[in-house]
């Protein structure tokens, strides 16, 4: 198999242990290979096709989530991830834009924004499986919250602005800038 043919192929390591001293050596070799494989990676990295498929699943998960399928949340998919958008020479990205609303209960704007932020962070991390980045400095912000999340494996970043006026949530999720295949 040539190097070009190996691109996109999974890596496998098979070691047979017959017992005795050879097994310990095989275990050590396996440990070295496993660590080396994790550091260097076996595949070519994220592809636009894989990232797009995951982004489309995210859209479906959002639409069917218990919180956001409630008509009172007014979930609206503003832009579906169905077009390749040029972002660099020979590279493209896909974008998902959505808005939703959370009715304000009570007079405290800060409590409303905190509640909306927590609700979205839970959805992004537990339902859509993003790794969240937390910025504790925005706890002092009176008029908005920012939410950031990332899926490294397919290469997707999500950003949500939480504001007091309707729509409360303004979500943008986009794939990394990747070649088509």
C-alpha atoms as a PDB file:
ATOM      1  CA  UNK A   1       0.000   0.000   0.000  1.00  0.00           C
ATOM      2  CA  UNK A   2       1.435   3.371  -0.986  1.00  0.00           C
ATOM      3  CA  UNK A   3       1.371   6.421   1.267  1.00  0.00           C
ATOM      4  CA  UNK A   4      -1.441   7.947  -0.827  1.00  0.00           C
ATOM      5  CA  UNK A   5      -3.500   4.759  -0.534  1.00  0.00           C
ATOM      6  CA  UNK A   6      -2.991   4.748   3.229  1.00  0.00           C
ATOM      7  CA  UNK A   7      -4.582   8.174   3.653  1.00  0.00           C
ATOM      8  CA  UNK A   8      -7.955   7.784   5.295  1.00  0.00           C
ATOM      9  CA  UNK A   9      -7.173   4.260   6.451  1.00  0.00           C
ATOM     10  CA  UNK A  10      -7.392   3.232  10.082  1.00  0.00           C
ATOM     11  CA  UNK A  11      -4.212   2.029  11.751  1.00  0.00           C
ATOM     12  CA  UNK A  12      -4.039  -1.370  13.381  1.00  0.00           C
ATOM     13  CA  UNK A  13      -1.287  -3.041  15.372  1.00  0.00           C
ATOM     14  CA  UNK A  14      -1.367  -6.793  15.944  1.00  0.00           C
ATOM     15  CA  UNK A  15       1.076  -8.447  18.296  1.00  0.00           C
ATOM     16  CA  UNK A  16       0.938 -12.086  19.185  1.00  0.00           C
ATOM     17  CA  UNK A  17       2.193 -13.136  22.563  1.00  0.00           C
ATOM     18  CA  UNK A  18       3.395 -16.662  23.002  1.00  0.00           C
ATOM     19  CA  UNK A  19       4.220 -16.379  26.684  1.00  0.00           C
ATOM     20  CA  UNK A  20       7.477 -15.978  28.557  1.00  0.00           C
ATOM     21  CA  UNK A  21       9.819 -13.024  28.109  1.00  0.00           C
ATOM     22  CA  UNK A  22       8.420 -12.215  24.678  1.00  0.00           C
ATOM     23  CA  UNK A  23       5.079 -11.193  26.163  1.00  0.00           C
ATOM     24  CA  UNK A  24       6.660  -8.499  28.328  1.00  0.00           C
ATOM     25  CA  UNK A  25       8.543  -7.173  25.300  1.00  0.00           C
ATOM     26  CA  UNK A  26       5.366  -7.266  23.233  1.00  0.00           C
ATOM     27  CA  UNK A  27       3.497  -5.336  25.927  1.00  0.00           C
ATOM     28  CA  UNK A  28       6.235  -2.705  26.037  1.00  0.00           C
ATOM     29  CA  UNK A  29       6.248  -2.433  22.241  1.00  0.00           C
ATOM     30  CA  UNK A  30       2.460  -2.111  22.253  1.00  0.00           C
ATOM     31  CA  UNK A  31       2.607   0.675  24.839  1.00  0.00           C
ATOM     32  CA  UNK A  32       5.203   2.584  22.803  1.00  0.00           C
ATOM     33  CA  UNK A  33       3.219   2.125  19.592  1.00  0.00           C
ATOM     34  CA  UNK A  34      -0.047   3.137  21.253  1.00  0.00           C
ATOM     35  CA  UNK A  35       1.437   6.326  22.682  1.00  0.00           C
ATOM     36  CA  UNK A  36       3.157   7.108  19.388  1.00  0.00           C
ATOM     37  CA  UNK A  37      -0.063   6.489  17.492  1.00  0.00           C
ATOM     38  CA  UNK A  38      -2.016   8.790  19.776  1.00  0.00           C
ATOM     39  CA  UNK A  39       0.551  11.539  19.454  1.00  0.00           C
ATOM     40  CA  UNK A  40       1.026  11.346  15.700  1.00  0.00           C
ATOM     41  CA  UNK A  41      -2.462  10.196  14.726  1.00  0.00           C
ATOM     42  CA  UNK A  42      -3.058   7.527  12.117  1.00  0.00           C
ATOM     43  CA  UNK A  43      -5.577   9.211   9.857  1.00  0.00           C
ATOM     44  CA  UNK A  44      -5.405  12.351   7.769  1.00  0.00           C
ATOM     45  CA  UNK A  45      -7.401  14.364  10.304  1.00  0.00           C
ATOM     46  CA  UNK A  46     -10.887  15.805  10.038  1.00  0.00           C
ATOM     47  CA  UNK A  47     -12.574  15.855   6.654  1.00  0.00           C
ATOM     48  CA  UNK A  48     -15.246  18.262   5.464  1.00  0.00           C
ATOM     49  CA  UNK A  49     -17.521  15.294   4.782  1.00  0.00           C
ATOM     50  CA  UNK A  50     -17.234  13.965   8.363  1.00  0.00           C
ATOM     51  CA  UNK A  51     -17.560  17.429   9.907  1.00  0.00           C
ATOM     52  CA  UNK A  52     -20.606  18.193   7.743  1.00  0.00           C
ATOM     53  CA  UNK A  53     -22.293  14.924   8.707  1.00  0.00           C
ATOM     54  CA  UNK A  54     -21.720  15.705  12.395  1.00  0.00           C
ATOM     55  CA  UNK A  55     -22.987  19.276  11.989  1.00  0.00           C
ATOM     56  CA  UNK A  56     -26.155  17.980  10.318  1.00  0.00           C
ATOM     57  CA  UNK A  57     -26.630  15.534  13.210  1.00  0.00           C
ATOM     58  CA  UNK A  58     -26.208  18.461  15.609  1.00  0.00           C
ATOM     59  CA  UNK A  59     -28.988  20.308  13.805  1.00  0.00           C
ATOM     60  CA  UNK A  60     -31.282  17.275  14.080  1.00  0.00           C
ATOM     61  CA  UNK A  61     -30.392  16.790  17.765  1.00  0.00           C
ATOM     62  CA  UNK A  62     -31.170  20.438  18.448  1.00  0.00           C
ATOM     63  CA  UNK A  63     -34.527  20.202  16.653  1.00  0.00           C
ATOM     64  CA  UNK A  64     -35.521  17.075  18.603  1.00  0.00           C
ATOM     65  CA  UNK A  65     -34.123  18.112  21.999  1.00  0.00           C
ATOM     66  CA  UNK A  66     -36.772  18.211  24.744  1.00  0.00           C
ATOM     67  CA  UNK A  67     -36.064  21.873  25.486  1.00  0.00           C
ATOM     68  CA  UNK A  68     -35.928  23.216  21.945  1.00  0.00           C
ATOM     69  CA  UNK A  69     -38.740  21.208  20.353  1.00  0.00           C
ATOM     70  CA  UNK A  70     -41.125  23.127  22.645  1.00  0.00           C
ATOM     71  CA  UNK A  71     -42.953  25.636  20.374  1.00  0.00           C
ATOM     72  CA  UNK A  72     -42.541  28.336  23.037  1.00  0.00           C
ATOM     73  CA  UNK A  73     -38.770  28.270  22.414  1.00  0.00           C
ATOM     74  CA  UNK A  74     -39.384  29.325  18.784  1.00  0.00           C
ATOM     75  CA  UNK A  75     -36.371  27.423  17.459  1.00  0.00           C
ATOM     76  CA  UNK A  76     -35.588  28.645  13.964  1.00  0.00           C
ATOM     77  CA  UNK A  77     -32.882  27.200  11.748  1.00  0.00           C
ATOM     78  CA  UNK A  78     -31.689  30.327   9.950  1.00  0.00           C
ATOM     79  CA  UNK A  79     -28.994  28.630   7.860  1.00  0.00           C
ATOM     80  CA  UNK A  80     -28.698  24.907   7.253  1.00  0.00           C
ATOM     81  CA  UNK A  81     -25.255  23.322   6.761  1.00  0.00           C
ATOM     82  CA  UNK A  82     -25.937  22.280   3.178  1.00  0.00           C
ATOM     83  CA  UNK A  83     -23.592  24.554   1.188  1.00  0.00           C
ATOM     84  CA  UNK A  84     -19.812  24.501   0.894  1.00  0.00           C
ATOM     85  CA  UNK A  85     -18.607  28.025   1.667  1.00  0.00           C
ATOM     86  CA  UNK A  86     -15.099  28.895   0.421  1.00  0.00           C
ATOM     87  CA  UNK A  87     -12.799  29.919   3.268  1.00  0.00           C
ATOM     88  CA  UNK A  88      -9.289  29.401   1.854  1.00  0.00           C
ATOM     89  CA  UNK A  89      -7.655  28.206  -1.347  1.00  0.00           C
ATOM     90  CA  UNK A  90      -9.231  24.835  -2.095  1.00  0.00           C
ATOM     91  CA  UNK A  91     -10.868  24.661   1.345  1.00  0.00           C
ATOM     92  CA  UNK A  92     -14.438  25.030   2.494  1.00  0.00           C
ATOM     93  CA  UNK A  93     -16.586  25.189   5.605  1.00  0.00           C
ATOM     94  CA  UNK A  94     -20.210  24.539   6.464  1.00  0.00           C
ATOM     95  CA  UNK A  95     -22.258  26.753   8.771  1.00  0.00           C
ATOM     96  CA  UNK A  96     -25.332  26.179  10.927  1.00  0.00           C
ATOM     97  CA  UNK A  97     -27.145  29.253  12.245  1.00  0.00           C
ATOM     98  CA  UNK A  98     -30.097  29.002  14.592  1.00  0.00           C
ATOM     99  CA  UNK A  99     -32.068  31.183  16.970  1.00  0.00           C
ATOM    100  CA  UNK A 100     -34.380  30.346  19.853  1.00  0.00           C
ATOM    101  CA  UNK A 101     -36.133  32.211  22.616  1.00  0.00           C
ATOM    102  CA  UNK A 102     -36.534  31.856  26.352  1.00  0.00           C
ATOM    103  CA  UNK A 103     -39.382  33.752  27.943  1.00  0.00           C
ATOM    104  CA  UNK A 104     -38.181  35.955  30.758  1.00  0.00           C
ATOM    105  CA  UNK A 105     -39.630  35.060  34.151  1.00  0.00           C
ATOM    106  CA  UNK A 106     -39.090  37.571  36.907  1.00  0.00           C
ATOM    107  CA  UNK A 107     -37.597  41.036  36.950  1.00  0.00           C
ATOM    108  CA  UNK A 108     -33.902  40.091  37.242  1.00  0.00           C
ATOM    109  CA  UNK A 109     -32.132  40.395  33.902  1.00  0.00           C
ATOM    110  CA  UNK A 110     -28.979  38.810  35.342  1.00  0.00           C
ATOM    111  CA  UNK A 111     -30.897  35.730  36.536  1.00  0.00           C
ATOM    112  CA  UNK A 112     -32.592  35.425  33.135  1.00  0.00           C
ATOM    113  CA  UNK A 113     -29.266  35.528  31.270  1.00  0.00           C
ATOM    114  CA  UNK A 114     -27.629  33.101  33.711  1.00  0.00           C
ATOM    115  CA  UNK A 115     -30.525  30.639  33.347  1.00  0.00           C
ATOM    116  CA  UNK A 116     -30.488  30.898  29.539  1.00  0.00           C
ATOM    117  CA  UNK A 117     -26.714  30.408  29.497  1.00  0.00           C
ATOM    118  CA  UNK A 118     -26.865  27.304  31.722  1.00  0.00           C
ATOM    119  CA  UNK A 119     -29.688  25.800  29.674  1.00  0.00           C
ATOM    120  CA  UNK A 120     -27.757  26.222  26.418  1.00  0.00           C
ATOM    121  CA  UNK A 121     -24.479  24.962  27.923  1.00  0.00           C
ATOM    122  CA  UNK A 122     -26.227  21.816  29.159  1.00  0.00           C
ATOM    123  CA  UNK A 123     -27.772  21.229  25.737  1.00  0.00           C
ATOM    124  CA  UNK A 124     -24.489  21.784  23.918  1.00  0.00           C
ATOM    125  CA  UNK A 125     -22.434  19.594  26.247  1.00  0.00           C
ATOM    126  CA  UNK A 126     -24.858  16.779  27.096  1.00  0.00           C
ATOM    127  CA  UNK A 127     -27.053  16.531  23.992  1.00  0.00           C
ATOM    128  CA  UNK A 128     -24.723  17.746  21.231  1.00  0.00           C
ATOM    129  CA  UNK A 129     -21.474  16.604  22.936  1.00  0.00           C
ATOM    130  CA  UNK A 130     -19.415  19.790  22.644  1.00  0.00           C
ATOM    131  CA  UNK A 131     -16.554  20.456  25.012  1.00  0.00           C
ATOM    132  CA  UNK A 132     -17.377  23.804  26.583  1.00  0.00           C
ATOM    133  CA  UNK A 133     -14.986  26.664  27.287  1.00  0.00           C
ATOM    134  CA  UNK A 134     -15.913  28.751  30.310  1.00  0.00           C
ATOM    135  CA  UNK A 135     -15.181  32.459  30.710  1.00  0.00           C
ATOM    136  CA  UNK A 136     -15.816  33.479  34.307  1.00  0.00           C
ATOM    137  CA  UNK A 137     -15.189  37.172  33.576  1.00  0.00           C
ATOM    138  CA  UNK A 138     -18.554  37.496  31.863  1.00  0.00           C
ATOM    139  CA  UNK A 139     -20.400  36.883  35.132  1.00  0.00           C
ATOM    140  CA  UNK A 140     -20.197  40.652  35.585  1.00  0.00           C
ATOM    141  CA  UNK A 141     -21.737  41.399  32.189  1.00  0.00           C
ATOM    142  CA  UNK A 142     -25.206  42.869  32.590  1.00  0.00           C
ATOM    143  CA  UNK A 143     -26.416  42.651  29.001  1.00  0.00           C
ATOM    144  CA  UNK A 144     -25.174  39.418  27.365  1.00  0.00           C
ATOM    145  CA  UNK A 145     -23.392  36.082  27.741  1.00  0.00           C
ATOM    146  CA  UNK A 146     -21.102  34.296  25.303  1.00  0.00           C
ATOM    147  CA  UNK A 147     -20.867  30.518  25.045  1.00  0.00           C
ATOM    148  CA  UNK A 148     -18.053  28.682  23.238  1.00  0.00           C
ATOM    149  CA  UNK A 149     -17.776  24.976  22.505  1.00  0.00           C
ATOM    150  CA  UNK A 150     -15.707  22.684  20.325  1.00  0.00           C
ATOM    151  CA  UNK A 151     -15.651  19.188  18.862  1.00  0.00           C
ATOM    152  CA  UNK A 152     -12.027  18.553  17.896  1.00  0.00           C
ATOM    153  CA  UNK A 153     -12.512  15.181  16.234  1.00  0.00           C
ATOM    154  CA  UNK A 154     -14.763  16.287  13.374  1.00  0.00           C
ATOM    155  CA  UNK A 155     -13.554  19.896  13.634  1.00  0.00           C
ATOM    156  CA  UNK A 156     -16.592  21.987  14.639  1.00  0.00           C
ATOM    157  CA  UNK A 157     -16.766  25.175  16.706  1.00  0.00           C
ATOM    158  CA  UNK A 158     -19.975  26.576  18.188  1.00  0.00           C
ATOM    159  CA  UNK A 159     -20.584  30.071  19.525  1.00  0.00           C
ATOM    160  CA  UNK A 160     -23.795  31.292  21.126  1.00  0.00           C
ATOM    161  CA  UNK A 161     -24.680  34.826  22.114  1.00  0.00           C
ATOM    162  CA  UNK A 162     -27.264  34.998  24.894  1.00  0.00           C
ATOM    163  CA  UNK A 163     -29.114  38.321  25.032  1.00  0.00           C
ATOM    164  CA  UNK A 164     -32.159  39.594  26.936  1.00  0.00           C
ATOM    165  CA  UNK A 165     -34.227  40.520  23.869  1.00  0.00           C
ATOM    166  CA  UNK A 166     -35.842  38.042  21.511  1.00  0.00           C
ATOM    167  CA  UNK A 167     -34.365  35.767  20.222  1.00  0.00           C
ATOM    168  CA  UNK A 168     -32.510  34.960  23.431  1.00  0.00           C
ATOM    169  CA  UNK A 169     -30.081  32.504  21.815  1.00  0.00           C
ATOM    170  CA  UNK A 170     -28.179  33.181  18.582  1.00  0.00           C
ATOM    171  CA  UNK A 171     -26.154  30.122  17.665  1.00  0.00           C
ATOM    172  CA  UNK A 172     -23.470  29.774  14.986  1.00  0.00           C
ATOM    173  CA  UNK A 173     -21.751  26.416  14.525  1.00  0.00           C
ATOM    174  CA  UNK A 174     -19.201  25.961  11.780  1.00  0.00           C
ATOM    175  CA  UNK A 175     -16.815  23.339  10.568  1.00  0.00           C
ATOM    176  CA  UNK A 176     -13.121  24.048  10.362  1.00  0.00           C
ATOM    177  CA  UNK A 177     -11.808  25.255   7.008  1.00  0.00           C
ATOM    178  CA  UNK A 178     -11.156  21.879   5.331  1.00  0.00           C
ATOM    179  CA  UNK A 179     -10.529  20.390   1.885  1.00  0.00           C
ATOM    180  CA  UNK A 180     -13.574  18.724   0.326  1.00  0.00           C
ATOM    181  CA  UNK A 181     -12.169  15.200   0.682  1.00  0.00           C
END
